[in-house]
N, C-alpha and C. Protein backbone atom coordinates (compact mmCIF):
# COMPACT_ATOMS: atom_id res chain seq x y z
N MET A 1 41.38 79.08 56.63
CA MET A 1 42.55 79.13 57.49
C MET A 1 42.12 78.83 58.92
N GLN A 2 42.85 77.98 59.56
CA GLN A 2 42.58 77.69 60.96
C GLN A 2 43.38 78.66 61.83
N HIS A 3 42.82 79.04 62.93
CA HIS A 3 43.55 79.88 63.88
C HIS A 3 43.23 79.41 65.28
N GLN A 4 44.18 79.67 66.14
CA GLN A 4 44.02 79.25 67.52
C GLN A 4 42.97 80.10 68.21
N ALA A 5 42.20 79.46 69.05
CA ALA A 5 41.19 80.19 69.81
C ALA A 5 41.82 80.71 71.10
N HIS A 6 41.88 82.01 71.20
CA HIS A 6 42.33 82.68 72.42
C HIS A 6 41.20 83.59 72.86
N GLU A 7 41.15 83.88 74.12
CA GLU A 7 40.17 84.84 74.61
C GLU A 7 40.52 86.20 74.01
N PRO A 8 39.61 86.79 73.21
CA PRO A 8 39.94 88.06 72.58
C PRO A 8 39.97 89.21 73.59
N LEU A 9 40.75 90.22 73.28
CA LEU A 9 40.74 91.44 74.07
C LEU A 9 39.38 92.12 73.89
N THR A 10 38.96 92.85 74.90
CA THR A 10 37.68 93.54 74.82
C THR A 10 37.91 95.04 74.97
N PHE A 11 37.26 95.81 74.09
CA PHE A 11 37.35 97.26 74.10
C PHE A 11 35.95 97.82 74.32
N GLY A 12 35.91 99.06 74.78
CA GLY A 12 34.63 99.71 75.02
C GLY A 12 34.07 99.37 76.39
N ILE A 13 32.93 99.96 76.68
CA ILE A 13 32.28 99.79 77.97
C ILE A 13 30.89 99.19 77.74
N ALA A 14 30.58 98.14 78.48
CA ALA A 14 29.25 97.53 78.43
C ALA A 14 28.34 98.31 79.38
N HIS A 15 27.58 99.24 78.85
CA HIS A 15 26.66 100.02 79.68
C HIS A 15 25.51 99.12 80.12
N PRO A 16 25.15 99.11 81.40
CA PRO A 16 24.12 98.20 81.89
C PRO A 16 22.73 98.45 81.31
N ASP A 17 22.46 99.67 80.84
CA ASP A 17 21.14 99.99 80.29
C ASP A 17 21.06 99.79 78.78
N VAL A 18 22.09 99.20 78.17
CA VAL A 18 22.13 99.00 76.72
C VAL A 18 22.06 97.51 76.41
N THR A 19 21.25 97.16 75.42
CA THR A 19 21.18 95.79 74.92
C THR A 19 22.14 95.67 73.74
N TYR A 20 23.12 94.79 73.86
CA TYR A 20 24.14 94.61 72.83
C TYR A 20 23.83 93.36 72.01
N ILE A 21 23.77 93.53 70.70
CA ILE A 21 23.54 92.43 69.77
C ILE A 21 24.91 91.96 69.27
N PRO A 22 25.24 90.67 69.41
CA PRO A 22 26.52 90.18 68.89
C PRO A 22 26.59 90.37 67.37
N ARG A 23 27.72 90.87 66.88
CA ARG A 23 27.91 91.11 65.45
C ARG A 23 29.30 90.61 65.05
N PRO A 24 29.40 89.33 64.61
CA PRO A 24 30.69 88.81 64.15
C PRO A 24 31.11 89.52 62.87
N GLY A 25 32.39 89.82 62.76
CA GLY A 25 32.92 90.47 61.57
C GLY A 25 34.36 90.08 61.31
N ALA A 26 34.76 90.21 60.05
CA ALA A 26 36.14 89.91 59.63
C ALA A 26 36.70 91.15 58.95
N TYR A 27 37.95 91.48 59.27
CA TYR A 27 38.58 92.70 58.78
C TYR A 27 40.00 92.41 58.33
N ALA A 28 40.51 93.25 57.42
CA ALA A 28 41.82 93.01 56.82
C ALA A 28 42.77 94.18 57.02
N LEU A 29 44.03 93.82 57.23
CA LEU A 29 45.13 94.78 57.13
C LEU A 29 45.73 94.58 55.75
N VAL A 30 45.59 95.59 54.90
CA VAL A 30 46.10 95.54 53.53
C VAL A 30 47.10 96.67 53.38
N LEU A 31 48.36 96.31 53.17
CA LEU A 31 49.42 97.30 52.99
C LEU A 31 49.89 97.33 51.55
N ARG A 32 50.09 98.53 51.00
CA ARG A 32 50.73 98.67 49.69
C ARG A 32 52.23 98.55 49.88
N ASP A 33 52.94 98.44 48.76
CA ASP A 33 54.40 98.35 48.80
C ASP A 33 55.04 99.58 49.45
N ASP A 34 54.37 100.74 49.36
CA ASP A 34 54.92 101.96 49.96
C ASP A 34 54.57 102.09 51.45
N GLY A 35 53.94 101.06 52.03
CA GLY A 35 53.64 101.07 53.45
C GLY A 35 52.31 101.70 53.83
N MET A 36 51.57 102.20 52.84
CA MET A 36 50.27 102.81 53.12
C MET A 36 49.23 101.72 53.37
N LEU A 37 48.29 102.00 54.26
CA LEU A 37 47.29 101.05 54.72
C LEU A 37 45.93 101.37 54.09
N ALA A 38 45.24 100.34 53.61
CA ALA A 38 43.89 100.51 53.06
C ALA A 38 42.90 100.70 54.20
N VAL A 39 42.07 101.73 54.10
CA VAL A 39 40.95 101.93 55.02
C VAL A 39 39.74 102.32 54.19
N VAL A 40 38.58 102.14 54.76
CA VAL A 40 37.33 102.48 54.09
C VAL A 40 36.65 103.60 54.86
N ARG A 41 36.28 104.64 54.12
CA ARG A 41 35.57 105.77 54.73
C ARG A 41 34.08 105.61 54.46
N ASN A 42 33.27 105.71 55.53
CA ASN A 42 31.82 105.78 55.37
C ASN A 42 31.31 106.94 56.23
N PHE A 43 29.99 107.04 56.38
CA PHE A 43 29.43 108.20 57.08
C PHE A 43 29.85 108.28 58.55
N LEU A 44 30.30 107.17 59.14
CA LEU A 44 30.74 107.19 60.55
C LEU A 44 32.20 107.57 60.70
N GLY A 45 33.02 107.26 59.70
CA GLY A 45 34.45 107.51 59.80
C GLY A 45 35.25 106.49 59.02
N LEU A 46 36.44 106.18 59.53
CA LEU A 46 37.37 105.26 58.87
C LEU A 46 37.39 103.91 59.57
N PHE A 47 37.40 102.85 58.75
CA PHE A 47 37.40 101.47 59.23
C PHE A 47 38.37 100.66 58.39
N LEU A 48 38.86 99.56 58.93
CA LEU A 48 39.59 98.61 58.11
C LEU A 48 38.60 97.97 57.14
N PRO A 49 39.07 97.56 55.94
CA PRO A 49 38.18 96.86 55.02
C PRO A 49 37.62 95.60 55.67
N GLY A 50 36.34 95.35 55.48
CA GLY A 50 35.71 94.17 56.05
C GLY A 50 34.34 94.50 56.57
N GLY A 51 33.78 93.56 57.31
CA GLY A 51 32.45 93.77 57.86
C GLY A 51 31.84 92.49 58.37
N GLY A 52 30.53 92.49 58.44
CA GLY A 52 29.79 91.41 59.05
C GLY A 52 29.91 90.07 58.34
N ILE A 53 29.96 89.02 59.15
CA ILE A 53 29.98 87.65 58.64
C ILE A 53 28.53 87.18 58.57
N GLU A 54 28.09 86.81 57.37
CA GLU A 54 26.72 86.36 57.18
C GLU A 54 26.58 84.88 57.50
N GLN A 55 25.35 84.47 57.78
CA GLN A 55 25.04 83.07 58.11
C GLN A 55 25.65 82.15 57.05
N GLY A 56 26.42 81.14 57.49
CA GLY A 56 26.99 80.15 56.60
C GLY A 56 28.33 80.53 56.00
N GLU A 57 28.80 81.75 56.21
CA GLU A 57 30.09 82.18 55.67
C GLU A 57 31.22 81.86 56.63
N THR A 58 32.39 81.57 56.07
CA THR A 58 33.61 81.51 56.87
C THR A 58 34.14 82.94 57.01
N ASP A 59 35.11 83.11 57.90
CA ASP A 59 35.76 84.42 58.03
C ASP A 59 36.29 84.90 56.69
N GLU A 60 37.01 84.00 56.00
CA GLU A 60 37.66 84.35 54.74
C GLU A 60 36.64 84.67 53.65
N GLN A 61 35.55 83.92 53.58
CA GLN A 61 34.51 84.21 52.59
C GLN A 61 33.89 85.58 52.83
N ALA A 62 33.59 85.87 54.08
CA ALA A 62 33.01 87.17 54.42
C ALA A 62 33.97 88.29 54.07
N LEU A 63 35.22 88.12 54.39
CA LEU A 63 36.21 89.16 54.14
C LEU A 63 36.41 89.38 52.64
N THR A 64 36.47 88.31 51.88
CA THR A 64 36.59 88.42 50.42
C THR A 64 35.39 89.18 49.85
N ARG A 65 34.19 88.85 50.31
CA ARG A 65 32.98 89.52 49.84
C ARG A 65 32.98 91.00 50.23
N GLU A 66 33.30 91.28 51.48
CA GLU A 66 33.29 92.66 51.96
C GLU A 66 34.32 93.52 51.23
N ILE A 67 35.51 92.98 50.98
CA ILE A 67 36.53 93.73 50.25
C ILE A 67 36.05 94.02 48.83
N ALA A 68 35.41 93.05 48.19
CA ALA A 68 34.86 93.28 46.85
C ALA A 68 33.81 94.39 46.89
N GLU A 69 32.92 94.36 47.88
CA GLU A 69 31.84 95.34 47.97
C GLU A 69 32.35 96.74 48.31
N GLU A 70 33.28 96.82 49.25
CA GLU A 70 33.72 98.13 49.77
C GLU A 70 34.88 98.73 48.99
N CYS A 71 35.72 97.87 48.39
CA CYS A 71 36.96 98.35 47.77
C CYS A 71 37.05 98.04 46.28
N ALA A 72 36.17 97.17 45.76
CA ALA A 72 36.18 96.76 44.35
C ALA A 72 37.49 96.09 43.96
N TYR A 73 37.97 95.20 44.83
CA TYR A 73 39.19 94.42 44.56
C TYR A 73 38.97 92.96 44.91
N HIS A 74 39.66 92.08 44.16
CA HIS A 74 39.86 90.71 44.61
C HIS A 74 40.96 90.78 45.67
N ALA A 75 40.96 89.83 46.59
CA ALA A 75 42.00 89.84 47.63
C ALA A 75 42.39 88.42 47.98
N ASP A 76 43.65 88.26 48.34
CA ASP A 76 44.16 87.00 48.89
C ASP A 76 44.36 87.20 50.38
N MET A 77 43.94 86.21 51.17
CA MET A 77 44.19 86.24 52.61
C MET A 77 45.59 85.68 52.86
N LEU A 78 46.38 86.40 53.64
CA LEU A 78 47.78 86.03 53.89
C LEU A 78 48.01 85.44 55.26
N GLY A 79 47.03 85.51 56.14
CA GLY A 79 47.21 84.92 57.46
C GLY A 79 46.40 85.62 58.53
N TYR A 80 46.06 84.83 59.52
CA TYR A 80 45.28 85.30 60.67
C TYR A 80 46.18 86.11 61.60
N ILE A 81 45.65 87.22 62.12
CA ILE A 81 46.40 88.06 63.05
C ILE A 81 45.91 87.88 64.48
N GLY A 82 44.61 87.99 64.68
CA GLY A 82 44.07 87.91 66.03
C GLY A 82 42.61 88.27 66.06
N ALA A 83 42.07 88.37 67.28
CA ALA A 83 40.65 88.66 67.47
C ALA A 83 40.49 89.66 68.61
N ALA A 84 39.42 90.42 68.54
CA ALA A 84 39.08 91.37 69.60
C ALA A 84 37.58 91.62 69.56
N THR A 85 37.02 92.01 70.68
CA THR A 85 35.62 92.41 70.74
C THR A 85 35.55 93.87 71.18
N GLU A 86 34.45 94.51 70.79
CA GLU A 86 34.26 95.90 71.20
C GLU A 86 32.77 96.18 71.38
N TYR A 87 32.45 96.78 72.52
CA TYR A 87 31.09 97.25 72.79
C TYR A 87 30.91 98.59 72.10
N VAL A 88 29.92 98.68 71.21
CA VAL A 88 29.66 99.91 70.47
C VAL A 88 28.20 100.29 70.69
N ARG A 89 28.00 101.45 71.27
CA ARG A 89 26.64 101.96 71.52
C ARG A 89 26.18 102.76 70.31
N VAL A 90 24.91 102.64 69.96
CA VAL A 90 24.34 103.38 68.84
C VAL A 90 23.82 104.71 69.38
N GLY A 91 24.62 105.76 69.21
CA GLY A 91 24.24 107.08 69.71
C GLY A 91 23.99 107.06 71.20
N THR A 92 22.87 107.64 71.60
CA THR A 92 22.51 107.66 73.03
C THR A 92 21.33 106.73 73.29
N THR A 93 21.09 105.79 72.38
CA THR A 93 19.96 104.88 72.52
C THR A 93 20.31 103.75 73.48
N ASP A 94 19.33 102.86 73.69
CA ASP A 94 19.57 101.69 74.54
C ASP A 94 19.95 100.47 73.69
N ARG A 95 20.44 100.73 72.48
CA ARG A 95 20.87 99.65 71.58
C ARG A 95 22.37 99.76 71.32
N GLY A 96 22.97 98.62 71.06
CA GLY A 96 24.38 98.60 70.73
C GLY A 96 24.75 97.30 70.05
N GLN A 97 25.99 97.23 69.62
CA GLN A 97 26.53 96.01 69.02
C GLN A 97 27.74 95.57 69.81
N LEU A 98 27.87 94.26 69.96
CA LEU A 98 29.10 93.68 70.47
C LEU A 98 29.85 93.18 69.25
N LYS A 99 30.78 94.00 68.76
CA LYS A 99 31.57 93.65 67.57
C LYS A 99 32.52 92.53 67.96
N GLN A 100 32.40 91.39 67.29
CA GLN A 100 33.27 90.24 67.52
C GLN A 100 34.16 90.11 66.29
N CYS A 101 35.32 90.75 66.32
CA CYS A 101 36.15 90.94 65.13
C CYS A 101 37.31 89.95 65.07
N VAL A 102 37.52 89.41 63.87
CA VAL A 102 38.74 88.66 63.57
C VAL A 102 39.49 89.45 62.51
N PHE A 103 40.81 89.37 62.58
CA PHE A 103 41.66 90.18 61.71
C PHE A 103 42.63 89.30 60.94
N TYR A 104 42.79 89.64 59.65
CA TYR A 104 43.69 88.91 58.75
C TYR A 104 44.58 89.90 58.02
N ARG A 105 45.76 89.44 57.64
CA ARG A 105 46.56 90.16 56.66
C ARG A 105 46.01 89.76 55.30
N ALA A 106 45.96 90.71 54.38
CA ALA A 106 45.46 90.42 53.04
C ALA A 106 46.21 91.27 52.02
N ARG A 107 46.03 90.88 50.76
CA ARG A 107 46.66 91.62 49.65
C ARG A 107 45.60 91.79 48.56
N PHE A 108 45.46 93.01 48.05
CA PHE A 108 44.61 93.23 46.89
C PHE A 108 45.32 92.63 45.68
N THR A 109 44.59 91.87 44.86
CA THR A 109 45.23 91.21 43.72
C THR A 109 44.83 91.79 42.39
N ALA A 110 43.59 92.16 42.21
CA ALA A 110 43.13 92.71 40.92
C ALA A 110 41.87 93.53 41.14
N PRO A 111 41.75 94.65 40.40
CA PRO A 111 40.52 95.43 40.50
C PRO A 111 39.35 94.67 39.90
N LEU A 112 38.15 94.93 40.41
CA LEU A 112 36.94 94.23 39.96
C LEU A 112 36.18 94.97 38.86
N HIS A 113 36.44 96.23 38.64
CA HIS A 113 35.73 97.03 37.64
C HIS A 113 34.23 97.07 37.93
N THR A 114 33.91 97.09 39.21
CA THR A 114 32.53 97.25 39.66
C THR A 114 32.51 98.40 40.65
N PRO A 115 31.39 99.09 40.77
CA PRO A 115 31.35 100.19 41.74
C PRO A 115 31.37 99.68 43.17
N VAL A 116 31.92 100.49 44.05
CA VAL A 116 31.89 100.15 45.47
C VAL A 116 30.50 100.46 46.01
N GLU A 117 30.20 99.89 47.18
CA GLU A 117 28.92 100.17 47.85
C GLU A 117 28.74 101.67 48.02
N ASP A 118 27.51 102.12 47.88
CA ASP A 118 27.21 103.53 48.12
C ASP A 118 27.68 103.92 49.51
N GLY A 119 28.28 105.10 49.59
CA GLY A 119 28.71 105.61 50.89
C GLY A 119 30.02 105.05 51.39
N HIS A 120 30.73 104.27 50.56
CA HIS A 120 32.02 103.71 50.94
C HIS A 120 33.09 104.21 49.98
N GLU A 121 34.25 104.54 50.51
CA GLU A 121 35.36 105.01 49.69
C GLU A 121 36.66 104.40 50.22
N LEU A 122 37.42 103.78 49.33
CA LEU A 122 38.74 103.25 49.68
C LEU A 122 39.72 104.41 49.71
N VAL A 123 40.43 104.56 50.82
CA VAL A 123 41.49 105.56 50.93
C VAL A 123 42.73 104.90 51.52
N TRP A 124 43.88 105.48 51.24
CA TRP A 124 45.15 104.95 51.74
C TRP A 124 45.74 105.94 52.72
N VAL A 125 46.10 105.46 53.90
CA VAL A 125 46.68 106.30 54.94
C VAL A 125 47.91 105.61 55.51
N SER A 126 48.74 106.37 56.16
CA SER A 126 49.88 105.77 56.85
C SER A 126 49.36 105.02 58.08
N PRO A 127 50.07 103.99 58.53
CA PRO A 127 49.66 103.33 59.77
C PRO A 127 49.56 104.31 60.95
N GLU A 128 50.43 105.30 60.98
CA GLU A 128 50.39 106.30 62.05
C GLU A 128 49.09 107.10 62.00
N GLU A 129 48.68 107.49 60.80
CA GLU A 129 47.42 108.22 60.64
C GLU A 129 46.24 107.32 61.01
N ALA A 130 46.30 106.04 60.62
CA ALA A 130 45.23 105.10 60.97
C ALA A 130 45.09 104.99 62.48
N MET A 131 46.21 104.98 63.19
CA MET A 131 46.17 104.87 64.65
C MET A 131 45.42 106.05 65.28
N LYS A 132 45.43 107.19 64.61
CA LYS A 132 44.77 108.38 65.14
C LYS A 132 43.31 108.48 64.70
N THR A 133 42.96 107.87 63.56
CA THR A 133 41.68 108.18 62.94
C THR A 133 40.70 107.02 62.79
N LEU A 134 41.13 105.78 62.95
CA LEU A 134 40.18 104.67 62.82
C LEU A 134 39.09 104.78 63.89
N TYR A 135 37.86 104.51 63.51
CA TYR A 135 36.69 104.69 64.37
C TYR A 135 36.69 103.73 65.56
N LEU A 136 37.02 102.47 65.31
CA LEU A 136 36.96 101.46 66.37
C LEU A 136 38.31 101.27 67.06
N ALA A 137 38.28 101.20 68.37
CA ALA A 137 39.51 100.98 69.15
C ALA A 137 40.16 99.65 68.80
N CYS A 138 39.36 98.62 68.53
CA CYS A 138 39.95 97.33 68.20
C CYS A 138 40.66 97.37 66.85
N HIS A 139 40.23 98.23 65.93
CA HIS A 139 40.94 98.40 64.66
C HIS A 139 42.27 99.12 64.90
N ARG A 140 42.26 100.12 65.76
CA ARG A 140 43.52 100.80 66.09
C ARG A 140 44.49 99.83 66.76
N TRP A 141 43.97 98.97 67.62
CA TRP A 141 44.80 97.97 68.31
C TRP A 141 45.50 97.05 67.32
N VAL A 142 44.78 96.55 66.32
CA VAL A 142 45.40 95.60 65.39
C VAL A 142 46.41 96.31 64.49
N VAL A 143 46.18 97.57 64.14
CA VAL A 143 47.17 98.32 63.37
C VAL A 143 48.44 98.48 64.20
N GLU A 144 48.29 98.75 65.47
CA GLU A 144 49.45 98.90 66.36
C GLU A 144 50.27 97.61 66.42
N ARG A 145 49.61 96.46 66.31
CA ARG A 145 50.28 95.16 66.39
C ARG A 145 51.06 94.80 65.13
N MET A 146 50.77 95.46 64.00
CA MET A 146 51.40 95.03 62.74
C MET A 146 52.87 95.35 62.65
């Protein structure tokens, strides 16, 4: 899917004493018919399904792979929503990530009958609950836009 290039919104604070490594990622807004939103719980908290884009992958390929790994579902991409970046510091260290996120609407199509990645759990929450509990500000921003 092609999408227009706009300057993404930026969240977080770039601390001058922290080295930020760029980390491109693709994430999905997946809604059930009852309006509940798919999120993934890991040891840090709640995130939209998705993750890092590996060398040679398109946004859609990365998102399809990440949804399979984290949620054990096939998914169809329904359209591009937008992009945002976020400065994320790793604890109190001098390391961090510059999350370069693209967001898509998606639909789960069929279960994969494979286990999800260790430490990941698919849960369904209301968009209102997601706005309060998603770990990344840019994820909360895209939920607010839906």
